[in-house]
């Protein structure tokens, strides 16, 4: 009986320790961007400045002339109005002649 109690209590300790382990073990923590901050800070920035702030885009496209380029990001965005964080929000940046002219943030 004592062995059974010892085994059960050992399993309980192992289980509770395992449940407290972070699920992001070995992963780099991604920053959460404020929606309003993105809308204010990104217009007027060039490609390099945007990459320094947000990293490489998840997708890119452009028109035939090459003057308009659109970058798409999927990032965590904080909506300051509600205080809610939206995971995998879609950030669309439009560049004209290499300068960001429009920022659209879709909270998803």
Foldseek 3Di string as FASTA:
>chain_A
DVVVVVVVVVVVVVVVVVVPDDPCVPHDDADEAEPVCCQPPQFFDFPVVVCVVHNAAPDKDDDPVPQKIKGKHFAWYAHPVVRDIAGRWIWIFIGGNRGTHGIDIGRD
